[in-house]
């Protein structure tokens, strides 16, 4: 997680087509948060679910900065700090 001007860049690895949405926790080796989404990785469905669910979970606006077509993504979490996110995320 990197703080930049009141926003946080969050590195995630997304697993589409899971049984349900879940945040599995940080992988120490990759430095990424593992997130499972139920939608398929077609037509942006998995990205939309990821953004909507993470926004709800974090109570902040979330955007995909990079990795739109990849399982490895960088999210921007608006108006927060890494310290706050560490309290909310597993």
C-alpha atoms as a PDB file:
ATOM      1  CA  UNK A   1       0.000   0.000   0.000  1.00  0.00           C
ATOM      2  CA  UNK A   2       1.269   3.400  -0.947  1.00  0.00           C
ATOM      3  CA  UNK A   3      -0.256   6.680   0.277  1.00  0.00           C
ATOM      4  CA  UNK A   4      -0.413   9.470  -2.309  1.00  0.00           C
ATOM      5  CA  UNK A   5      -2.227  12.787  -1.789  1.00  0.00           C
ATOM      6  CA  UNK A   6      -4.965  11.338   0.430  1.00  0.00           C
ATOM      7  CA  UNK A   7      -5.425   8.219  -1.715  1.00  0.00           C
ATOM      8  CA  UNK A   8      -3.953   4.748  -1.351  1.00  0.00           C
ATOM      9  CA  UNK A   9      -2.692   2.498  -4.141  1.00  0.00           C
ATOM     10  CA  UNK A  10      -3.646  -1.065  -3.255  1.00  0.00           C
ATOM     11  CA  UNK A  11      -2.097  -4.021  -5.093  1.00  0.00           C
ATOM     12  CA  UNK A  12      -4.545  -6.933  -5.466  1.00  0.00           C
ATOM     13  CA  UNK A  13      -4.737 -10.353  -7.065  1.00  0.00           C
ATOM     14  CA  UNK A  14      -8.251 -11.219  -8.202  1.00  0.00           C
ATOM     15  CA  UNK A  15      -9.671 -14.723  -8.582  1.00  0.00           C
ATOM     16  CA  UNK A  16     -12.822 -14.601 -10.735  1.00  0.00           C
ATOM     17  CA  UNK A  17     -15.587 -17.232 -10.823  1.00  0.00           C
ATOM     18  CA  UNK A  18     -15.335 -17.967  -7.106  1.00  0.00           C
ATOM     19  CA  UNK A  19     -18.340 -19.186  -5.158  1.00  0.00           C
ATOM     20  CA  UNK A  20     -18.677 -15.801  -3.461  1.00  0.00           C
ATOM     21  CA  UNK A  21     -16.915 -12.501  -2.914  1.00  0.00           C
ATOM     22  CA  UNK A  22     -14.264 -12.655  -0.204  1.00  0.00           C
ATOM     23  CA  UNK A  23     -11.097 -10.884   0.838  1.00  0.00           C
ATOM     24  CA  UNK A  24      -8.574 -13.570   1.701  1.00  0.00           C
ATOM     25  CA  UNK A  25      -5.808 -11.380   3.106  1.00  0.00           C
ATOM     26  CA  UNK A  26      -2.342 -10.200   2.113  1.00  0.00           C
ATOM     27  CA  UNK A  27       0.196 -12.487   0.527  1.00  0.00           C
ATOM     28  CA  UNK A  28       3.526 -11.542   2.117  1.00  0.00           C
ATOM     29  CA  UNK A  29       5.547 -12.812  -0.847  1.00  0.00           C
ATOM     30  CA  UNK A  30       3.686 -10.949  -3.588  1.00  0.00           C
ATOM     31  CA  UNK A  31       2.676  -7.950  -1.478  1.00  0.00           C
ATOM     32  CA  UNK A  32      -0.843  -8.219  -2.873  1.00  0.00           C
ATOM     33  CA  UNK A  33      -4.246  -8.565  -1.287  1.00  0.00           C
ATOM     34  CA  UNK A  34      -6.019 -11.703  -2.553  1.00  0.00           C
ATOM     35  CA  UNK A  35      -9.663 -11.053  -3.457  1.00  0.00           C
ATOM     36  CA  UNK A  36     -12.194 -13.560  -4.792  1.00  0.00           C
ATOM     37  CA  UNK A  37     -15.122 -12.406  -6.956  1.00  0.00           C
ATOM     38  CA  UNK A  38     -18.036 -14.467  -8.237  1.00  0.00           C
ATOM     39  CA  UNK A  39     -18.342 -12.798 -11.652  1.00  0.00           C
ATOM     40  CA  UNK A  40     -16.441 -14.033 -14.734  1.00  0.00           C
ATOM     41  CA  UNK A  41     -13.508 -12.085 -16.154  1.00  0.00           C
ATOM     42  CA  UNK A  42     -15.416 -11.137 -19.309  1.00  0.00           C
ATOM     43  CA  UNK A  43     -16.833  -7.800 -20.413  1.00  0.00           C
ATOM     44  CA  UNK A  44     -15.491  -6.120 -17.264  1.00  0.00           C
ATOM     45  CA  UNK A  45     -17.885  -8.019 -14.972  1.00  0.00           C
ATOM     46  CA  UNK A  46     -15.210  -9.111 -12.484  1.00  0.00           C
ATOM     47  CA  UNK A  47     -13.767  -5.576 -12.374  1.00  0.00           C
ATOM     48  CA  UNK A  48     -17.207  -4.066 -11.718  1.00  0.00           C
ATOM     49  CA  UNK A  49     -17.874  -6.520  -8.889  1.00  0.00           C
ATOM     50  CA  UNK A  50     -14.414  -5.888  -7.436  1.00  0.00           C
ATOM     51  CA  UNK A  51     -14.887  -2.103  -7.441  1.00  0.00           C
ATOM     52  CA  UNK A  52     -18.443  -2.234  -6.057  1.00  0.00           C
ATOM     53  CA  UNK A  53     -17.668  -4.709  -3.288  1.00  0.00           C
ATOM     54  CA  UNK A  54     -14.393  -3.100  -2.239  1.00  0.00           C
ATOM     55  CA  UNK A  55     -16.087   0.309  -2.187  1.00  0.00           C
ATOM     56  CA  UNK A  56     -18.796  -1.084   0.097  1.00  0.00           C
ATOM     57  CA  UNK A  57     -16.290  -2.879   2.326  1.00  0.00           C
ATOM     58  CA  UNK A  58     -13.965   0.108   2.680  1.00  0.00           C
ATOM     59  CA  UNK A  59     -16.691   2.777   2.649  1.00  0.00           C
ATOM     60  CA  UNK A  60     -14.609   4.714   0.120  1.00  0.00           C
ATOM     61  CA  UNK A  61     -14.568   5.200  -3.653  1.00  0.00           C
ATOM     62  CA  UNK A  62     -12.393   2.596  -5.370  1.00  0.00           C
ATOM     63  CA  UNK A  63     -11.073   2.705  -8.946  1.00  0.00           C
ATOM     64  CA  UNK A  64      -9.007   0.287 -11.027  1.00  0.00           C
ATOM     65  CA  UNK A  65      -5.801   2.172 -11.877  1.00  0.00           C
ATOM     66  CA  UNK A  66      -4.102  -0.601 -13.853  1.00  0.00           C
ATOM     67  CA  UNK A  67      -4.520  -4.253 -14.724  1.00  0.00           C
ATOM     68  CA  UNK A  68      -7.991  -4.048 -16.256  1.00  0.00           C
ATOM     69  CA  UNK A  69      -7.368  -7.240 -18.258  1.00  0.00           C
ATOM     70  CA  UNK A  70      -5.197  -8.977 -15.672  1.00  0.00           C
ATOM     71  CA  UNK A  71      -5.706 -10.798 -12.396  1.00  0.00           C
ATOM     72  CA  UNK A  72      -3.072  -8.507 -10.880  1.00  0.00           C
ATOM     73  CA  UNK A  73      -4.464  -5.017 -10.456  1.00  0.00           C
ATOM     74  CA  UNK A  74      -3.659  -1.743  -8.788  1.00  0.00           C
ATOM     75  CA  UNK A  75      -6.646  -0.113  -7.126  1.00  0.00           C
ATOM     76  CA  UNK A  76      -6.925   3.483  -6.002  1.00  0.00           C
ATOM     77  CA  UNK A  77      -8.805   3.865  -2.727  1.00  0.00           C
ATOM     78  CA  UNK A  78      -9.876   7.502  -2.481  1.00  0.00           C
ATOM     79  CA  UNK A  79      -9.689   9.701   0.618  1.00  0.00           C
ATOM     80  CA  UNK A  80      -8.081   7.289   3.046  1.00  0.00           C
ATOM     81  CA  UNK A  81      -4.761   6.210   4.526  1.00  0.00           C
ATOM     82  CA  UNK A  82      -2.922   2.900   4.559  1.00  0.00           C
ATOM     83  CA  UNK A  83      -3.206   2.933   8.345  1.00  0.00           C
ATOM     84  CA  UNK A  84      -7.016   3.006   8.105  1.00  0.00           C
ATOM     85  CA  UNK A  85      -7.067   0.260   5.472  1.00  0.00           C
ATOM     86  CA  UNK A  86      -4.881  -2.007   7.622  1.00  0.00           C
ATOM     87  CA  UNK A  87      -7.531  -1.777  10.342  1.00  0.00           C
ATOM     88  CA  UNK A  88     -10.334  -2.724   7.947  1.00  0.00           C
ATOM     89  CA  UNK A  89      -8.701  -5.405   5.777  1.00  0.00           C
ATOM     90  CA  UNK A  90      -7.765  -8.897   6.969  1.00  0.00           C
END
